[in-house]
N, C-alpha and C. Protein backbone atom coordinates (compact mmCIF):
# COMPACT_ATOMS: atom_id res chain seq x y z
N MET A 1 -7.40 -0.47 -13.95
CA MET A 1 -7.12 -1.21 -12.80
C MET A 1 -6.47 -2.35 -12.60
N ILE A 2 -6.95 -3.00 -13.70
CA ILE A 2 -6.39 -4.67 -13.49
C ILE A 2 -5.48 -5.00 -13.91
N CYS A 3 -4.63 -4.00 -14.97
CA CYS A 3 -3.32 -4.06 -15.11
C CYS A 3 -2.37 -3.64 -14.07
N GLU A 4 -2.86 -3.17 -13.65
CA GLU A 4 -2.30 -2.19 -12.01
C GLU A 4 -2.09 -3.70 -10.98
N ALA A 5 -3.28 -4.13 -10.83
CA ALA A 5 -3.75 -5.59 -10.29
C ALA A 5 -2.45 -6.55 -10.57
N ALA A 6 -2.47 -6.44 -11.75
CA ALA A 6 -1.55 -7.83 -12.53
C ALA A 6 -0.11 -7.54 -11.84
N GLU A 7 0.22 -6.13 -12.68
CA GLU A 7 1.53 -5.46 -12.25
C GLU A 7 2.06 -6.09 -10.30
N LEU A 8 0.98 -5.52 -9.55
CA LEU A 8 1.09 -5.54 -8.29
C LEU A 8 1.19 -7.04 -8.08
N GLU A 9 0.59 -8.04 -8.18
CA GLU A 9 0.61 -9.74 -7.98
C GLU A 9 1.95 -9.55 -8.69
N HIS A 10 2.45 -9.70 -9.94
CA HIS A 10 3.50 -9.68 -10.39
C HIS A 10 4.70 -9.93 -9.59
N GLY A 11 4.95 -8.15 -8.89
CA GLY A 11 5.75 -7.56 -8.32
C GLY A 11 5.99 -8.64 -6.58
N LEU A 12 4.49 -8.78 -6.07
CA LEU A 12 4.52 -9.60 -4.78
C LEU A 12 5.20 -11.10 -4.89
N THR A 13 4.90 -11.71 -6.31
CA THR A 13 5.25 -13.06 -6.55
C THR A 13 6.97 -13.41 -6.82
N CYS A 14 7.65 -12.27 -7.39
CA CYS A 14 8.96 -12.29 -7.36
C CYS A 14 9.46 -12.05 -5.87
N GLU A 15 8.87 -11.09 -5.13
CA GLU A 15 9.57 -11.02 -3.89
C GLU A 15 9.27 -11.81 -2.98
N TYR A 16 8.03 -12.66 -3.05
CA TYR A 16 7.86 -14.35 -2.36
C TYR A 16 8.85 -14.93 -2.46
N LEU A 17 9.56 -15.33 -4.07
CA LEU A 17 10.05 -16.47 -4.44
C LEU A 17 11.76 -16.28 -4.40
N PHE A 18 12.28 -14.73 -4.20
CA PHE A 18 13.47 -13.93 -4.05
C PHE A 18 13.43 -14.51 -2.64
N ALA A 19 12.63 -14.23 -1.48
CA ALA A 19 12.95 -14.46 -0.15
C ALA A 19 12.61 -15.95 -0.19
N ALA A 20 11.73 -16.46 -0.53
CA ALA A 20 11.77 -18.17 -0.20
C ALA A 20 13.31 -18.69 -0.84
N PHE A 21 13.87 -18.50 -2.08
CA PHE A 21 15.01 -18.97 -2.15
C PHE A 21 15.90 -18.22 -1.82
N SER A 22 15.92 -17.31 -1.35
CA SER A 22 17.25 -16.79 -0.31
C SER A 22 17.46 -17.68 1.26
N LEU A 23 17.04 -18.05 1.59
CA LEU A 23 16.69 -18.30 2.82
C LEU A 23 17.83 -19.49 3.20
N LYS A 24 18.58 -19.81 3.84
CA LYS A 24 19.21 -20.64 3.90
C LYS A 24 18.65 -22.36 4.28
N GLN A 25 19.71 -23.41 3.75
CA GLN A 25 19.06 -24.52 2.97
C GLN A 25 20.28 -26.08 3.48
N ARG A 26 21.30 -25.65 4.17
CA ARG A 26 21.96 -26.49 4.64
C ARG A 26 22.73 -25.94 5.81
N ALA A 27 22.69 -27.34 6.67
CA ALA A 27 23.47 -26.85 8.02
C ALA A 27 24.84 -26.27 7.58
N ASP A 28 25.66 -26.69 6.68
CA ASP A 28 27.03 -25.64 6.77
C ASP A 28 27.27 -24.37 6.57
N GLU A 29 25.76 -23.97 6.31
CA GLU A 29 25.46 -22.09 6.09
C GLU A 29 25.45 -21.78 7.35
N GLY A 30 25.86 -22.17 8.53
CA GLY A 30 26.23 -21.22 9.73
C GLY A 30 24.73 -21.93 10.49
N VAL A 31 24.07 -22.65 10.53
CA VAL A 31 22.48 -22.70 11.41
C VAL A 31 22.59 -24.43 12.12
N SER A 32 21.71 -24.08 12.93
CA SER A 32 22.24 -25.51 13.58
C SER A 32 20.69 -26.59 13.03
N ALA A 33 20.46 -28.08 13.43
CA ALA A 33 19.63 -28.57 12.54
C ALA A 33 18.32 -28.06 12.97
N GLU A 34 17.78 -27.24 14.42
CA GLU A 34 16.64 -26.93 15.10
C GLU A 34 16.68 -25.98 14.02
N GLN A 35 17.19 -24.93 14.31
CA GLN A 35 17.42 -23.57 12.97
C GLN A 35 17.13 -24.26 11.62
N LEU A 36 17.21 -24.88 10.99
CA LEU A 36 17.21 -25.77 9.91
C LEU A 36 15.87 -25.97 9.79
N ALA A 37 15.65 -26.37 10.72
CA ALA A 37 14.01 -26.96 10.39
C ALA A 37 12.84 -25.68 10.36
N ALA A 38 13.32 -24.79 11.27
CA ALA A 38 12.18 -23.74 11.13
C ALA A 38 12.70 -22.96 10.10
N VAL A 39 13.72 -22.82 9.67
CA VAL A 39 13.52 -22.38 8.32
C VAL A 39 12.86 -22.92 7.06
N GLY A 40 13.00 -24.20 6.99
CA GLY A 40 12.17 -25.20 6.42
C GLY A 40 10.86 -24.58 5.94
N ARG A 41 10.27 -24.75 7.50
CA ARG A 41 9.00 -24.45 7.33
C ARG A 41 8.48 -22.94 7.44
N TRP A 42 9.39 -21.96 7.55
CA TRP A 42 9.10 -20.50 6.81
C TRP A 42 9.09 -20.74 5.37
N ARG A 43 9.82 -21.18 4.51
CA ARG A 43 10.22 -21.58 3.11
C ARG A 43 8.48 -22.14 2.77
N ALA A 44 8.42 -22.92 3.14
CA ALA A 44 7.12 -23.91 2.82
C ALA A 44 5.88 -22.72 3.26
N THR A 45 6.07 -22.43 3.98
CA THR A 45 5.23 -20.96 4.37
C THR A 45 5.27 -19.92 3.26
N VAL A 46 6.05 -19.62 3.26
CA VAL A 46 6.19 -18.19 1.86
C VAL A 46 6.25 -19.03 0.65
N LEU A 47 6.75 -19.84 0.05
CA LEU A 47 6.19 -20.48 -1.26
C LEU A 47 4.44 -20.73 -1.09
N GLY A 48 3.87 -20.83 -0.23
CA GLY A 48 2.37 -20.79 -0.20
C GLY A 48 1.80 -19.38 -0.30
N VAL A 49 2.57 -18.73 0.06
CA VAL A 49 2.04 -17.39 -0.20
C VAL A 49 2.36 -16.94 -1.59
N ALA A 50 3.54 -17.26 -2.26
CA ALA A 50 3.52 -17.47 -3.61
C ALA A 50 2.79 -18.02 -4.44
N ALA A 51 2.58 -19.14 -3.96
CA ALA A 51 1.41 -19.28 -4.84
C ALA A 51 0.25 -18.84 -5.51
N GLN A 52 -0.31 -18.44 -3.85
CA GLN A 52 -1.24 -18.16 -3.64
C GLN A 52 -1.04 -15.99 -4.91
N GLU A 53 -0.27 -15.79 -4.53
CA GLU A 53 0.01 -14.62 -5.19
C GLU A 53 -0.19 -14.71 -6.95
N MET A 54 0.78 -15.70 -7.29
CA MET A 54 0.63 -16.46 -8.40
C MET A 54 -1.02 -16.75 -9.29
N LEU A 55 -1.82 -17.10 -8.44
CA LEU A 55 -2.80 -17.35 -8.54
C LEU A 55 -4.16 -16.11 -8.62
N HIS A 56 -3.34 -15.05 -8.00
CA HIS A 56 -3.95 -14.37 -8.42
C HIS A 56 -3.69 -13.46 -9.62
N LEU A 57 -2.88 -13.36 -10.26
CA LEU A 57 -1.68 -13.06 -11.12
C LEU A 57 -2.53 -13.67 -12.17
N ALA A 58 -2.75 -14.61 -12.28
CA ALA A 58 -3.49 -15.33 -13.56
C ALA A 58 -5.17 -15.17 -13.67
N LEU A 59 -5.86 -14.90 -11.97
CA LEU A 59 -7.16 -14.05 -12.32
C LEU A 59 -7.09 -13.43 -13.25
N SER A 60 -6.28 -12.34 -12.63
CA SER A 60 -6.30 -11.04 -13.44
C SER A 60 -6.00 -10.95 -14.49
N ALA A 61 -4.72 -12.01 -15.00
CA ALA A 61 -4.43 -11.75 -16.83
C ALA A 61 -5.89 -12.47 -17.44
N ASN A 62 -6.84 -13.23 -16.74
CA ASN A 62 -7.32 -14.02 -17.52
C ASN A 62 -8.33 -12.99 -17.31
N THR A 63 -8.57 -11.94 -16.61
CA THR A 63 -9.98 -11.02 -16.78
C THR A 63 -9.35 -10.06 -17.87
N LEU A 64 -8.14 -10.02 -18.03
CA LEU A 64 -8.13 -8.86 -18.88
C LEU A 64 -7.75 -9.18 -20.08
N THR A 65 -7.30 -10.51 -20.02
CA THR A 65 -7.61 -11.36 -21.58
C THR A 65 -9.25 -11.54 -22.10
N ALA A 66 -10.28 -11.39 -20.88
CA ALA A 66 -11.73 -11.76 -21.29
C ALA A 66 -12.44 -10.44 -21.83
N LEU A 67 -11.35 -9.64 -20.85
CA LEU A 67 -12.07 -8.32 -21.66
C LEU A 67 -11.06 -7.53 -22.85
N GLY A 68 -10.30 -8.24 -23.62
CA GLY A 68 -10.10 -7.61 -24.96
C GLY A 68 -8.83 -7.28 -24.50
N ALA A 69 -7.90 -7.37 -23.68
CA ALA A 69 -6.67 -6.55 -23.47
C ALA A 69 -5.54 -7.84 -22.95
N SER A 70 -4.67 -7.33 -23.24
CA SER A 70 -3.62 -8.17 -22.81
C SER A 70 -2.62 -7.91 -21.52
N PRO A 71 -2.07 -9.12 -20.49
CA PRO A 71 -1.34 -8.81 -19.50
C PRO A 71 -0.21 -7.88 -19.35
N GLN A 72 -0.25 -7.08 -18.82
CA GLN A 72 1.13 -6.45 -18.34
C GLN A 72 1.64 -6.55 -17.07
N LEU A 73 3.08 -7.05 -17.77
CA LEU A 73 3.85 -7.17 -16.65
C LEU A 73 4.75 -6.78 -16.11
N SER A 74 5.26 -5.09 -16.86
CA SER A 74 6.27 -4.61 -16.20
C SER A 74 6.35 -4.68 -14.60
N ARG A 75 8.37 -4.43 -14.16
CA ARG A 75 7.83 -4.35 -12.90
C ARG A 75 9.56 -4.23 -12.87
N PRO A 76 10.43 -3.31 -11.65
CA PRO A 76 11.62 -3.03 -11.59
C PRO A 76 12.77 -4.43 -11.77
N ASN A 77 13.66 -5.07 -12.39
CA ASN A 77 14.19 -5.18 -12.23
C ASN A 77 14.68 -6.08 -10.06
N LEU A 78 14.72 -7.19 -9.88
CA LEU A 78 15.15 -7.56 -8.50
C LEU A 78 16.10 -7.92 -8.40
N PRO A 79 16.95 -8.20 -6.89
CA PRO A 79 16.65 -7.37 -6.23
C PRO A 79 17.20 -5.82 -6.27
N GLN A 80 16.42 -4.63 -5.93
CA GLN A 80 16.59 -3.64 -5.85
C GLN A 80 17.80 -2.74 -4.81
N PRO A 81 18.83 -1.76 -5.80
CA PRO A 81 19.88 -1.11 -4.80
C PRO A 81 19.00 -0.60 -3.20
N ALA A 82 19.50 -0.25 -2.09
CA ALA A 82 19.16 0.41 -1.54
C ALA A 82 19.35 1.81 -1.89
N ARG A 83 18.20 2.57 -1.29
CA ARG A 83 18.31 4.03 -1.85
C ARG A 83 18.82 4.67 -0.18
N PRO A 84 19.91 5.78 -0.95
CA PRO A 84 20.08 6.77 0.34
C PRO A 84 18.99 7.23 1.03
N GLY A 85 19.05 7.18 2.09
CA GLY A 85 17.45 7.89 3.56
C GLY A 85 16.47 6.55 3.35
N PHE A 86 16.28 5.24 2.67
CA PHE A 86 15.64 4.41 2.50
C PHE A 86 15.00 3.71 3.96
N GLY A 87 13.88 3.89 5.14
CA GLY A 87 13.95 3.32 6.16
C GLY A 87 13.81 4.59 7.05
N ARG A 88 13.91 5.82 6.72
CA ARG A 88 14.19 6.74 7.51
C ARG A 88 12.85 7.47 7.94
């Protein structure tokens, strides 16, 4: 179960980081200065959550190590292509 927790935390960390770094960063990307400020606040929040997920990953990896196992960090490549019928 701890291996599954580590994999879950790893996957969540990757998703949050992908989301944060996918947000627009400059006004020439089609956003106003006010929108850009809001996006900056969103990015800071998402990166904060990503940092918490990294801490959870470290805790689960440390627990596995303490039990004599090694962390297992398998995950699918991101981003995943859309699947037919997804969301229905």
